[in-house]
């Protein structure tokens, strides 16, 4: 009998109109979709109105903005620096950014 926490699913997310297929547990799927949507929103805010966008720079600045928000939330709530939830969000954001960066090469 399989453990529900070990069941893996493929999830395709859209970031900057590009599909990325990732793997996660069934329980992580909603958080992964939310993380990808949040990243997509942050990246779209930084898109230039014209010209050729530098997706790598947009992804890095977006990640820094999200990390800044996370750090401010930690400080305001006096949460320990690396709670399990925060680490999960950071890991998902890193995986999504890695997928975006790999697609650009």
Protein backbone atom coordinates (compact mmCIF):
# COMPACT_ATOMS: atom_id res chain seq x y z
CA UNK A 1 0.00 0.00 0.00
CA UNK A 2 1.42 3.37 -0.94
CA UNK A 3 1.78 6.20 1.51
CA UNK A 4 -0.25 9.22 0.39
CA UNK A 5 2.65 11.57 1.20
CA UNK A 6 4.89 9.67 -1.24
CA UNK A 7 2.44 9.78 -4.16
CA UNK A 8 3.99 12.00 -6.83
CA UNK A 9 2.09 13.84 -9.53
CA UNK A 10 3.19 15.84 -12.53
CA UNK A 11 1.97 19.41 -12.47
CA UNK A 12 2.24 21.83 -15.36
CA UNK A 13 2.38 25.49 -14.39
CA UNK A 14 2.48 28.57 -16.61
CA UNK A 15 5.13 31.20 -15.91
CA UNK A 16 5.42 34.04 -18.41
CA UNK A 17 3.26 32.09 -20.88
CA UNK A 18 5.67 29.15 -20.79
CA UNK A 19 4.62 25.75 -19.48
CA UNK A 20 6.81 24.01 -16.91
CA UNK A 21 6.10 20.47 -15.81
CA UNK A 22 7.21 19.76 -12.28
CA UNK A 23 6.74 16.88 -9.87
CA UNK A 24 5.42 17.12 -6.34
CA UNK A 25 3.37 15.18 -3.83
CA UNK A 26 -0.39 15.33 -4.16
CA UNK A 27 -0.52 17.38 -0.95
CA UNK A 28 1.97 19.93 -2.31
CA UNK A 29 0.11 20.45 -5.61
CA UNK A 30 -2.14 23.35 -4.47
CA UNK A 31 0.81 25.19 -2.89
CA UNK A 32 2.92 24.67 -6.02
CA UNK A 33 0.17 26.10 -8.22
CA UNK A 34 -0.24 29.07 -5.87
CA UNK A 35 3.54 29.63 -5.82
CA UNK A 36 3.75 29.56 -9.61
CA UNK A 37 0.83 31.99 -9.91
CA UNK A 38 2.45 34.35 -7.42
CA UNK A 39 5.78 34.17 -9.25
CA UNK A 40 4.04 34.78 -12.57
CA UNK A 41 2.29 37.87 -11.16
CA UNK A 42 5.56 39.23 -9.76
CA UNK A 43 7.42 38.66 -13.01
CA UNK A 44 4.66 40.30 -15.08
CA UNK A 45 4.97 43.45 -12.95
CA UNK A 46 8.58 43.78 -14.11
CA UNK A 47 8.00 43.14 -17.82
CA UNK A 48 9.10 46.05 -20.00
CA UNK A 49 6.43 47.64 -22.16
CA UNK A 50 8.56 47.19 -25.25
CA UNK A 51 11.80 45.58 -26.28
CA UNK A 52 13.24 42.17 -25.56
CA UNK A 53 12.70 41.17 -21.92
CA UNK A 54 15.61 39.69 -19.94
CA UNK A 55 13.73 36.79 -18.35
CA UNK A 56 16.63 35.79 -16.12
CA UNK A 57 16.88 39.28 -14.62
CA UNK A 58 13.10 39.47 -14.23
CA UNK A 59 13.09 36.09 -12.45
CA UNK A 60 15.92 37.08 -10.09
CA UNK A 61 14.41 40.45 -9.19
CA UNK A 62 11.02 38.78 -8.65
CA UNK A 63 12.61 36.17 -6.39
CA UNK A 64 14.37 38.90 -4.42
CA UNK A 65 11.12 40.83 -4.03
CA UNK A 66 9.31 37.73 -2.77
CA UNK A 67 12.18 36.88 -0.42
CA UNK A 68 12.09 40.43 0.94
CA UNK A 69 8.36 40.11 1.64
CA UNK A 70 8.93 36.77 3.35
CA UNK A 71 11.68 38.20 5.55
CA UNK A 72 9.50 41.16 6.53
CA UNK A 73 6.68 38.78 7.47
CA UNK A 74 9.06 36.68 9.56
CA UNK A 75 10.32 39.77 11.36
CA UNK A 76 6.84 41.17 12.01
CA UNK A 77 5.50 37.87 13.31
CA UNK A 78 8.74 37.04 15.15
CA UNK A 79 8.67 33.66 13.46
CA UNK A 80 11.88 31.62 13.57
CA UNK A 81 14.04 32.23 10.49
CA UNK A 82 13.45 28.85 8.83
CA UNK A 83 10.09 27.42 9.76
CA UNK A 84 8.97 24.30 7.91
CA UNK A 85 6.32 26.26 5.99
CA UNK A 86 8.74 29.02 5.01
CA UNK A 87 11.30 26.46 3.85
CA UNK A 88 8.64 24.71 1.75
CA UNK A 89 7.70 27.99 0.05
CA UNK A 90 11.35 28.90 -0.55
CA UNK A 91 12.06 25.44 -2.00
CA UNK A 92 9.08 25.65 -4.36
CA UNK A 93 10.06 29.14 -5.48
CA UNK A 94 13.62 27.98 -6.10
CA UNK A 95 12.41 24.99 -8.13
CA UNK A 96 10.12 27.19 -10.21
CA UNK A 97 12.90 29.72 -10.83
CA UNK A 98 15.29 26.92 -11.78
CA UNK A 99 12.78 25.63 -14.33
CA UNK A 100 12.38 29.14 -15.77
CA UNK A 101 16.15 29.62 -15.99
CA UNK A 102 16.66 26.22 -17.63
CA UNK A 103 14.06 27.01 -20.26
CA UNK A 104 15.97 30.15 -21.23
CA UNK A 105 19.13 28.22 -22.14
